[in-house]
């Protein structure tokens, strides 16, 4: 079953490229854009995890 398209899908290649150039990235997009569900799997698929580990932080408004 294919995943439904999300807005983040169009920029995932640019996210991977940016993280190949610099290990830090601030990603801002509206709720429901797919940041949480798509970025980590895309980074794993691109071989960007050191020994299978990724560290992602998701700050929330207080």
Protein backbone atom coordinates (compact mmCIF):
# COMPACT_ATOMS: atom_id res chain seq x y z
CA UNK A 1 0.00 0.00 0.00
CA UNK A 2 1.47 3.35 -1.05
CA UNK A 3 1.67 6.23 1.37
CA UNK A 4 -0.45 9.28 0.68
CA UNK A 5 1.55 12.21 -0.65
CA UNK A 6 2.47 14.87 1.90
CA UNK A 7 3.88 18.36 1.30
CA UNK A 8 7.29 17.41 2.75
CA UNK A 9 7.79 14.75 0.07
CA UNK A 10 8.68 17.37 -2.55
CA UNK A 11 11.55 18.75 -0.48
CA UNK A 12 13.00 15.55 1.02
CA UNK A 13 15.82 15.38 -1.56
CA UNK A 14 16.79 18.96 -0.65
CA UNK A 15 16.70 18.07 3.06
CA UNK A 16 19.04 15.13 2.48
CA UNK A 17 21.37 17.29 0.34
CA UNK A 18 21.43 20.03 2.99
CA UNK A 19 22.32 17.52 5.70
CA UNK A 20 25.10 16.06 3.58
CA UNK A 21 26.64 19.56 3.47
CA UNK A 22 26.03 20.43 7.15
CA UNK A 23 24.99 18.18 10.02
CA UNK A 24 22.48 20.71 11.38
CA UNK A 25 19.19 21.73 9.86
CA UNK A 26 16.14 23.57 11.12
CA UNK A 27 13.04 22.40 9.31
CA UNK A 28 9.85 24.39 9.67
CA UNK A 29 6.56 23.43 8.04
CA UNK A 30 2.88 23.47 8.98
CA UNK A 31 1.28 20.75 11.06
CA UNK A 32 0.47 17.74 8.92
CA UNK A 33 3.22 18.40 6.37
CA UNK A 34 4.95 15.10 7.17
CA UNK A 35 8.01 16.28 9.08
CA UNK A 36 7.76 13.68 11.83
CA UNK A 37 6.70 10.73 9.68
CA UNK A 38 8.85 11.22 6.58
CA UNK A 39 12.16 12.88 7.44
CA UNK A 40 13.72 10.15 9.62
CA UNK A 41 12.85 7.31 7.19
CA UNK A 42 14.22 9.39 4.29
CA UNK A 43 17.49 9.96 6.14
CA UNK A 44 17.79 6.26 6.96
CA UNK A 45 17.09 5.34 3.32
CA UNK A 46 19.79 7.81 2.22
CA UNK A 47 22.33 6.07 4.47
CA UNK A 48 22.74 9.09 6.71
CA UNK A 49 22.52 7.25 10.04
CA UNK A 50 25.76 6.47 11.82
CA UNK A 51 25.43 2.86 12.95
CA UNK A 52 21.65 3.14 12.49
CA UNK A 53 21.24 6.07 14.89
CA UNK A 54 19.56 9.38 14.15
CA UNK A 55 18.91 12.16 16.63
CA UNK A 56 15.94 14.36 15.85
CA UNK A 57 14.45 16.91 18.19
CA UNK A 58 10.93 18.22 17.94
CA UNK A 59 10.46 21.34 20.03
CA UNK A 60 6.90 22.12 20.99
CA UNK A 61 5.32 25.38 21.99
CA UNK A 62 4.72 25.76 25.70
